[in-house]
Amino acid sequence: MVAERYCLLPRPVRSALANEPLSPAEQDVLAYVRAGYSNKEIAARLGKAEPTVKHQVSACLRKFGLSSRTRLMAALH
């Protein structure tokens, strides 16, 4: 995970795991969630406001039918 986080770009997320289609922005955010980035780090990397990233992560949790970021990360691996 260290090499993935600091050296490589995050891998894209397959939206087939979600109950509803993911937007391109949600797919981008989830790629960083999978790599272990915080909302603040994701916002900085994508040039978004932190509340926007938080909203997109929440939308992904709803679409995946999950209740926590930890469960989301586990589902993505």
PDB file of N, CA and C in Angstrom:
ATOM      1  N   MET A   1       0.815  -1.186   0.000  1.00  0.00           N
ATOM      2  CA  MET A   1       0.000   0.000   0.000  1.00  0.00           C
ATOM      3  C   MET A   1       0.862   1.255   0.000  1.00  0.00           C
ATOM      4  N   VAL A   2       2.002   1.224   0.646  1.00  0.00           N
ATOM      5  CA  VAL A   2       2.870   2.397   0.680  1.00  0.00           C
ATOM      6  C   VAL A   2       3.295   2.780  -0.730  1.00  0.00           C
ATOM      7  N   ALA A   3       3.732   1.791  -1.513  1.00  0.00           N
ATOM      8  CA  ALA A   3       4.141   2.087  -2.876  1.00  0.00           C
ATOM      9  C   ALA A   3       2.973   2.613  -3.685  1.00  0.00           C
ATOM     10  N   GLU A   4       1.794   2.018  -3.509  1.00  0.00           N
ATOM     11  CA  GLU A   4       0.627   2.469  -4.258  1.00  0.00           C
ATOM     12  C   GLU A   4       0.276   3.911  -3.886  1.00  0.00           C
ATOM     13  N   ARG A   5       0.358   4.225  -2.622  1.00  0.00           N
ATOM     14  CA  ARG A   5      -0.050   5.557  -2.176  1.00  0.00           C
ATOM     15  C   ARG A   5       0.928   6.640  -2.597  1.00  0.00           C
ATOM     16  N   TYR A   6       2.211   6.367  -2.556  1.00  0.00           N
ATOM     17  CA  TYR A   6       3.184   7.423  -2.781  1.00  0.00           C
ATOM     18  C   TYR A   6       3.837   7.410  -4.161  1.00  0.00           C
ATOM     19  N   CYS A   7       3.700   6.341  -4.903  1.00  0.00           N
ATOM     20  CA  CYS A   7       4.411   6.257  -6.169  1.00  0.00           C
ATOM     21  C   CYS A   7       3.500   6.143  -7.386  1.00  0.00           C
ATOM     22  N   LEU A   8       2.367   5.510  -7.232  1.00  0.00           N
ATOM     23  CA  LEU A   8       1.518   5.220  -8.366  1.00  0.00           C
ATOM     24  C   LEU A   8       0.199   5.968  -8.269  1.00  0.00           C
ATOM     25  N   LEU A   9      -0.418   6.145  -9.423  1.00  0.00           N
ATOM     26  CA  LEU A   9      -1.758   6.712  -9.416  1.00  0.00           C
ATOM     27  C   LEU A   9      -2.737   5.664  -8.925  1.00  0.00           C
ATOM     28  N   PRO A  10      -3.794   6.080  -8.250  1.00  0.00           N
ATOM     29  CA  PRO A  10      -4.792   5.118  -7.789  1.00  0.00           C
ATOM     30  C   PRO A  10      -5.432   4.382  -8.958  1.00  0.00           C
ATOM     31  N   ARG A  11      -5.778   3.126  -8.717  1.00  0.00           N
ATOM     32  CA  ARG A  11      -6.438   2.325  -9.750  1.00  0.00           C
ATOM     33  C   ARG A  11      -7.902   2.732  -9.841  1.00  0.00           C
ATOM     34  N   PRO A  12      -8.486   2.682 -11.038  1.00  0.00           N
ATOM     35  CA  PRO A  12      -9.904   3.007 -11.163  1.00  0.00           C
ATOM     36  C   PRO A  12     -10.773   1.989 -10.429  1.00  0.00           C
ATOM     37  N   VAL A  13     -11.930   2.418 -10.024  1.00  0.00           N
ATOM     38  CA  VAL A  13     -12.865   1.564  -9.304  1.00  0.00           C
ATOM     39  C   VAL A  13     -13.898   1.028 -10.282  1.00  0.00           C
ATOM     40  N   ARG A  14     -14.173  -0.261 -10.185  1.00  0.00           N
ATOM     41  CA  ARG A  14     -15.217  -0.859 -11.017  1.00  0.00           C
ATOM     42  C   ARG A  14     -16.570  -0.514 -10.422  1.00  0.00           C
ATOM     43  N   SER A  15     -17.368   0.191 -11.165  1.00  0.00           N
ATOM     44  CA  SER A  15     -18.671   0.597 -10.646  1.00  0.00           C
ATOM     45  C   SER A  15     -19.666  -0.556 -10.602  1.00  0.00           C
ATOM     46  N   ALA A  16     -19.318  -1.719 -11.148  1.00  0.00           N
ATOM     47  CA  ALA A  16     -20.213  -2.872 -11.123  1.00  0.00           C
ATOM     48  C   ALA A  16     -20.490  -3.334  -9.695  1.00  0.00           C
ATOM     49  N   LEU A  17     -19.636  -2.965  -8.750  1.00  0.00           N
ATOM     50  CA  LEU A  17     -19.840  -3.341  -7.353  1.00  0.00           C
ATOM     51  C   LEU A  17     -20.949  -2.521  -6.695  1.00  0.00           C
ATOM     52  N   ALA A  18     -21.251  -1.375  -7.262  1.00  0.00           N
ATOM     53  CA  ALA A  18     -22.239  -0.472  -6.676  1.00  0.00           C
ATOM     54  C   ALA A  18     -23.645  -0.855  -7.112  1.00  0.00           C
ATOM     55  N   ASN A  19     -24.634  -0.514  -6.264  1.00  0.00           N
ATOM     56  CA  ASN A  19     -26.037  -0.769  -6.582  1.00  0.00           C
ATOM     57  C   ASN A  19     -26.564   0.204  -7.627  1.00  0.00           C
ATOM     58  N   GLU A  20     -25.967   1.380  -7.712  1.00  0.00           N
ATOM     59  CA  GLU A  20     -26.329   2.412  -8.675  1.00  0.00           C
ATOM     60  C   GLU A  20     -25.058   2.821  -9.413  1.00  0.00           C
ATOM     61  N   PRO A  21     -25.181   3.366 -10.622  1.00  0.00           N
ATOM     62  CA  PRO A  21     -23.982   3.811 -11.342  1.00  0.00           C
ATOM     63  C   PRO A  21     -23.247   4.922 -10.587  1.00  0.00           C
ATOM     64  N   LEU A  22     -21.931   4.877 -10.648  1.00  0.00           N
ATOM     65  CA  LEU A  22     -21.105   5.919 -10.041  1.00  0.00           C
ATOM     66  C   LEU A  22     -20.796   6.985 -11.085  1.00  0.00           C
ATOM     67  N   SER A  23     -20.814   8.231 -10.649  1.00  0.00           N
ATOM     68  CA  SER A  23     -20.431   9.319 -11.545  1.00  0.00           C
ATOM     69  C   SER A  23     -18.917   9.269 -11.748  1.00  0.00           C
ATOM     70  N   PRO A  24     -18.416   9.895 -12.804  1.00  0.00           N
ATOM     71  CA  PRO A  24     -16.953   9.948 -12.977  1.00  0.00           C
ATOM     72  C   PRO A  24     -16.245  10.571 -11.770  1.00  0.00           C
ATOM     73  N   ALA A  25     -16.849  11.589 -11.175  1.00  0.00           N
ATOM     74  CA  ALA A  25     -16.241  12.221  -9.994  1.00  0.00           C
ATOM     75  C   ALA A  25     -16.190  11.251  -8.821  1.00  0.00           C
ATOM     76  N   GLU A  26     -17.247  10.468  -8.630  1.00  0.00           N
ATOM     77  CA  GLU A  26     -17.264   9.479  -7.555  1.00  0.00           C
ATOM     78  C   GLU A  26     -16.228   8.390  -7.804  1.00  0.00           C
ATOM     79  N   GLN A  27     -16.056   7.989  -9.045  1.00  0.00           N
ATOM     80  CA  GLN A  27     -15.038   6.996  -9.374  1.00  0.00           C
ATOM     81  C   GLN A  27     -13.643   7.520  -9.050  1.00  0.00           C
ATOM     82  N   ASP A  28     -13.396   8.793  -9.366  1.00  0.00           N
ATOM     83  CA  ASP A  28     -12.094   9.398  -9.049  1.00  0.00           C
ATOM     84  C   ASP A  28     -11.852   9.404  -7.548  1.00  0.00           C
ATOM     85  N   VAL A  29     -12.856   9.832  -6.784  1.00  0.00           N
ATOM     86  CA  VAL A  29     -12.723   9.901  -5.327  1.00  0.00           C
ATOM     87  C   VAL A  29     -12.505   8.501  -4.752  1.00  0.00           C
ATOM     88  N   LEU A  30     -13.250   7.520  -5.232  1.00  0.00           N
ATOM     89  CA  LEU A  30     -13.102   6.158  -4.703  1.00  0.00           C
ATOM     90  C   LEU A  30     -11.727   5.564  -4.981  1.00  0.00           C
ATOM     91  N   ALA A  31     -11.138   5.931  -6.097  1.00  0.00           N
ATOM     92  CA  ALA A  31      -9.784   5.449  -6.387  1.00  0.00           C
ATOM     93  C   ALA A  31      -8.816   5.908  -5.294  1.00  0.00           C
ATOM     94  N   TYR A  32      -8.989   7.139  -4.823  1.00  0.00           N
ATOM     95  CA  TYR A  32      -8.133   7.648  -3.752  1.00  0.00           C
ATOM     96  C   TYR A  32      -8.510   7.051  -2.397  1.00  0.00           C
ATOM     97  N   VAL A  33      -9.802   6.819  -2.173  1.00  0.00           N
ATOM     98  CA  VAL A  33     -10.225   6.154  -0.928  1.00  0.00           C
ATOM     99  C   VAL A  33      -9.581   4.775  -0.860  1.00  0.00           C
ATOM    100  N   ARG A  34      -9.618   4.049  -1.969  1.00  0.00           N
ATOM    101  CA  ARG A  34      -9.019   2.707  -2.022  1.00  0.00           C
ATOM    102  C   ARG A  34      -7.529   2.761  -1.691  1.00  0.00           C
ATOM    103  N   ALA A  35      -6.866   3.818  -2.125  1.00  0.00           N
ATOM    104  CA  ALA A  35      -5.431   3.951  -1.881  1.00  0.00           C
ATOM    105  C   ALA A  35      -5.118   4.439  -0.469  1.00  0.00           C
ATOM    106  N   GLY A  36      -6.158   4.763   0.327  1.00  0.00           N
ATOM    107  CA  GLY A  36      -5.939   5.127   1.719  1.00  0.00           C
ATOM    108  C   GLY A  36      -5.834   6.611   2.006  1.00  0.00           C
ATOM    109  N   TYR A  37      -6.207   7.446   1.068  1.00  0.00           N
ATOM    110  CA  TYR A  37      -6.137   8.888   1.275  1.00  0.00           C
ATOM    111  C   TYR A  37      -7.306   9.380   2.128  1.00  0.00           C
ATOM    112  N   SER A  38      -7.078  10.428   2.908  1.00  0.00           N
ATOM    113  CA  SER A  38      -8.143  11.063   3.682  1.00  0.00           C
ATOM    114  C   SER A  38      -8.927  12.004   2.761  1.00  0.00           C
ATOM    115  N   ASN A  39     -10.087  12.451   3.217  1.00  0.00           N
ATOM    116  CA  ASN A  39     -10.876  13.400   2.421  1.00  0.00           C
ATOM    117  C   ASN A  39     -10.073  14.658   2.123  1.00  0.00           C
ATOM    118  N   LYS A  40      -9.330  15.131   3.103  1.00  0.00           N
ATOM    119  CA  LYS A  40      -8.527  16.339   2.924  1.00  0.00           C
ATOM    120  C   LYS A  40      -7.457  16.127   1.848  1.00  0.00           C
ATOM    121  N   GLU A  41      -6.799  14.980   1.884  1.00  0.00           N
ATOM    122  CA  GLU A  41      -5.772  14.671   0.877  1.00  0.00           C
ATOM    123  C   GLU A  41      -6.387  14.513  -0.513  1.00  0.00           C
ATOM    124  N   ILE A  42      -7.546  13.872  -0.575  1.00  0.00           N
ATOM    125  CA  ILE A  42      -8.229  13.688  -1.861  1.00  0.00           C
ATOM    126  C   ILE A  42      -8.613  15.045  -2.438  1.00  0.00           C
ATOM    127  N   ALA A  43      -9.166  15.898  -1.595  1.00  0.00           N
ATOM    128  CA  ALA A  43      -9.563  17.233  -2.041  1.00  0.00           C
ATOM    129  C   ALA A  43      -8.372  17.992  -2.615  1.00  0.00           C
ATOM    130  N   ALA A  44      -7.246  17.933  -1.937  1.00  0.00           N
ATOM    131  CA  ALA A  44      -6.054  18.636  -2.410  1.00  0.00           C
ATOM    132  C   ALA A  44      -5.574  18.076  -3.747  1.00  0.00           C
ATOM    133  N   ARG A  45      -5.585  16.767  -3.889  1.00  0.00           N
ATOM    134  CA  ARG A  45      -5.114  16.137  -5.131  1.00  0.00           C
ATOM    135  C   ARG A  45      -6.039  16.396  -6.307  1.00  0.00           C
ATOM    136  N   LEU A  46      -7.343  16.452  -6.038  1.00  0.00           N
ATOM    137  CA  LEU A  46      -8.304  16.634  -7.126  1.00  0.00           C
ATOM    138  C   LEU A  46      -8.713  18.095  -7.328  1.00  0.00           C
ATOM    139  N   GLY A  47      -8.221  18.982  -6.470  1.00  0.00           N
ATOM    140  CA  GLY A  47      -8.561  20.398  -6.598  1.00  0.00           C
ATOM    141  C   GLY A  47     -10.018  20.685  -6.267  1.00  0.00           C
ATOM    142  N   LYS A  48     -10.544  19.960  -5.278  1.00  0.00           N
ATOM    143  CA  LYS A  48     -11.931  20.128  -4.851  1.00  0.00           C
ATOM    144  C   LYS A  48     -11.956  20.604  -3.411  1.00  0.00           C
ATOM    145  N   ALA A  49     -13.109  21.084  -2.994  1.00  0.00           N
ATOM    146  CA  ALA A  49     -13.303  21.431  -1.585  1.00  0.00           C
ATOM    147  C   ALA A  49     -13.504  20.150  -0.787  1.00  0.00           C
ATOM    148  N   GLU A  50     -13.028  20.143   0.445  1.00  0.00           N
ATOM    149  CA  GLU A  50     -13.163  18.955   1.287  1.00  0.00           C
ATOM    150  C   GLU A  50     -14.623  18.539   1.498  1.00  0.00           C
ATOM    151  N   PRO A  51     -15.562  19.493   1.709  1.00  0.00           N
ATOM    152  CA  PRO A  51     -16.967  19.073   1.844  1.00  0.00           C
ATOM    153  C   PRO A  51     -17.514  18.387   0.579  1.00  0.00           C
ATOM    154  N   THR A  52     -17.018  18.773  -0.585  1.00  0.00           N
ATOM    155  CA  THR A  52     -17.431  18.124  -1.828  1.00  0.00           C
ATOM    156  C   THR A  52     -16.992  16.671  -1.832  1.00  0.00           C
ATOM    157  N   VAL A  53     -15.757  16.434  -1.443  1.00  0.00           N
ATOM    158  CA  VAL A  53     -15.235  15.066  -1.384  1.00  0.00           C
ATOM    159  C   VAL A  53     -16.029  14.261  -0.347  1.00  0.00           C
ATOM    160  N   LYS A  54     -16.302  14.857   0.799  1.00  0.00           N
ATOM    161  CA  LYS A  54     -17.069  14.172   1.836  1.00  0.00           C
ATOM    162  C   LYS A  54     -18.450  13.779   1.304  1.00  0.00           C
ATOM    163  N   HIS A  55     -19.085  14.685   0.573  1.00  0.00           N
ATOM    164  CA  HIS A  55     -20.393  14.395  -0.016  1.00  0.00           C
ATOM    165  C   HIS A  55     -20.297  13.246  -1.028  1.00  0.00           C
ATOM    166  N   GLN A  56     -19.246  13.250  -1.842  1.00  0.00           N
ATOM    167  CA  GLN A  56     -19.079  12.190  -2.841  1.00  0.00           C
ATOM    168  C   GLN A  56     -18.803  10.841  -2.189  1.00  0.00           C
ATOM    169  N   VAL A  57     -18.027  10.830  -1.116  1.00  0.00           N
ATOM    170  CA  VAL A  57     -17.788   9.582  -0.381  1.00  0.00           C
ATOM    171  C   VAL A  57     -19.104   9.086   0.222  1.00  0.00           C
ATOM    172  N   SER A  58     -19.895   9.991   0.784  1.00  0.00           N
ATOM    173  CA  SER A  58     -21.190   9.609   1.355  1.00  0.00           C
ATOM    174  C   SER A  58     -22.119   9.038   0.289  1.00  0.00           C
ATOM    175  N   ALA A  59     -22.113   9.641  -0.889  1.00  0.00           N
ATOM    176  CA  ALA A  59     -22.942   9.132  -1.990  1.00  0.00           C
ATOM    177  C   ALA A  59     -22.491   7.723  -2.371  1.00  0.00           C
ATOM    178  N   CYS A  60     -21.201   7.489  -2.369  1.00  0.00           N
ATOM    179  CA  CYS A  60     -20.668   6.161  -2.699  1.00  0.00           C
ATOM    180  C   CYS A  60     -21.065   5.138  -1.643  1.00  0.00           C
ATOM    181  N   LEU A  61     -21.005   5.525  -0.377  1.00  0.00           N
ATOM    182  CA  LEU A  61     -21.430   4.621   0.695  1.00  0.00           C
ATOM    183  C   LEU A  61     -22.888   4.210   0.478  1.00  0.00           C
ATOM    184  N   ARG A  62     -23.724   5.182   0.134  1.00  0.00           N
ATOM    185  CA  ARG A  62     -25.137   4.889  -0.112  1.00  0.00           C
ATOM    186  C   ARG A  62     -25.287   3.961  -1.314  1.00  0.00           C
ATOM    187  N   LYS A  63     -24.562   4.239  -2.384  1.00  0.00           N
ATOM    188  CA  LYS A  63     -24.671   3.425  -3.596  1.00  0.00           C
ATOM    189  C   LYS A  63     -24.146   2.001  -3.397  1.00  0.00           C
ATOM    190  N   PHE A  64     -23.170   1.838  -2.536  1.00  0.00           N
ATOM    191  CA  PHE A  64     -22.637   0.513  -2.244  1.00  0.00           C
ATOM    192  C   PHE A  64     -23.436  -0.179  -1.137  1.00  0.00           C
ATOM    193  N   GLY A  65     -24.339   0.574  -0.492  1.00  0.00           N
ATOM    194  CA  GLY A  65     -25.139   0.005   0.590  1.00  0.00           C
ATOM    195  C   GLY A  65     -24.319  -0.285   1.834  1.00  0.00           C
ATOM    196  N   LEU A  66     -23.319   0.560   2.085  1.00  0.00           N
ATOM    197  CA  LEU A  66     -22.422   0.350   3.220  1.00  0.00           C
ATOM    198  C   LEU A  66     -22.555   1.494   4.211  1.00  0.00           C
ATOM    199  N   SER A  67     -22.151   1.221   5.455  1.00  0.00           N
ATOM    200  CA  SER A  67     -22.334   2.211   6.514  1.00  0.00           C
ATOM    201  C   SER A  67     -21.057   2.889   6.979  1.00  0.00           C
ATOM    202  N   SER A  68     -19.896   2.457   6.484  1.00  0.00           N
ATOM    203  CA  SER A  68     -18.657   3.088   6.943  1.00  0.00           C
ATOM    204  C   SER A  68     -17.597   3.091   5.839  1.00  0.00           C
ATOM    205  N   ARG A  69     -16.691   4.013   5.979  1.00  0.00           N
ATOM    206  CA  ARG A  69     -15.573   4.119   5.037  1.00  0.00           C
ATOM    207  C   ARG A  69     -14.701   2.859   5.097  1.00  0.00           C
ATOM    208  N   THR A  70     -14.541   2.294   6.278  1.00  0.00           N
ATOM    209  CA  THR A  70     -13.743   1.076   6.446  1.00  0.00           C
ATOM    210  C   THR A  70     -14.346  -0.072   5.646  1.00  0.00           C
ATOM    211  N   ARG A  71     -15.660  -0.220   5.725  1.00  0.00           N
ATOM    212  CA  ARG A  71     -16.326  -1.277   4.952  1.00  0.00           C
ATOM    213  C   ARG A  71     -16.235  -1.010   3.461  1.00  0.00           C
ATOM    214  N   LEU A  72     -16.292   0.264   3.094  1.00  0.00           N
ATOM    215  CA  LEU A  72     -16.142   0.616   1.688  1.00  0.00           C
ATOM    216  C   LEU A  72     -14.757   0.223   1.179  1.00  0.00           C
ATOM    217  N   MET A  73     -13.736   0.561   1.952  1.00  0.00           N
ATOM    218  CA  MET A  73     -12.361   0.204   1.562  1.00  0.00           C
ATOM    219  C   MET A  73     -12.210  -1.306   1.426  1.00  0.00           C
ATOM    220  N   ALA A  74     -12.809  -2.057   2.344  1.00  0.00           N
ATOM    221  CA  ALA A  74     -12.727  -3.513   2.286  1.00  0.00           C
ATOM    222  C   ALA A  74     -13.432  -4.044   1.029  1.00  0.00           C
ATOM    223  N   ALA A  75     -14.554  -3.439   0.672  1.00  0.00           N
ATOM    224  CA  ALA A  75     -15.291  -3.869  -0.512  1.00  0.00           C
ATOM    225  C   ALA A  75     -14.525  -3.560  -1.797  1.00  0.00           C
ATOM    226  N   LEU A  76     -13.694  -2.523  -1.769  1.00  0.00           N
ATOM    227  CA  LEU A  76     -12.955  -2.113  -2.963  1.00  0.00           C
ATOM    228  C   LEU A  76     -11.708  -2.933  -3.212  1.00  0.00           C
ATOM    229  N   HIS A  77     -11.251  -3.652  -2.208  1.00  0.00           N
ATOM    230  CA  HIS A  77     -10.015  -4.443  -2.383  1.00  0.00           C
ATOM    231  C   HIS A  77     -10.286  -5.841  -2.789  1.00  0.00           C
TER     232      HIS A  77
END
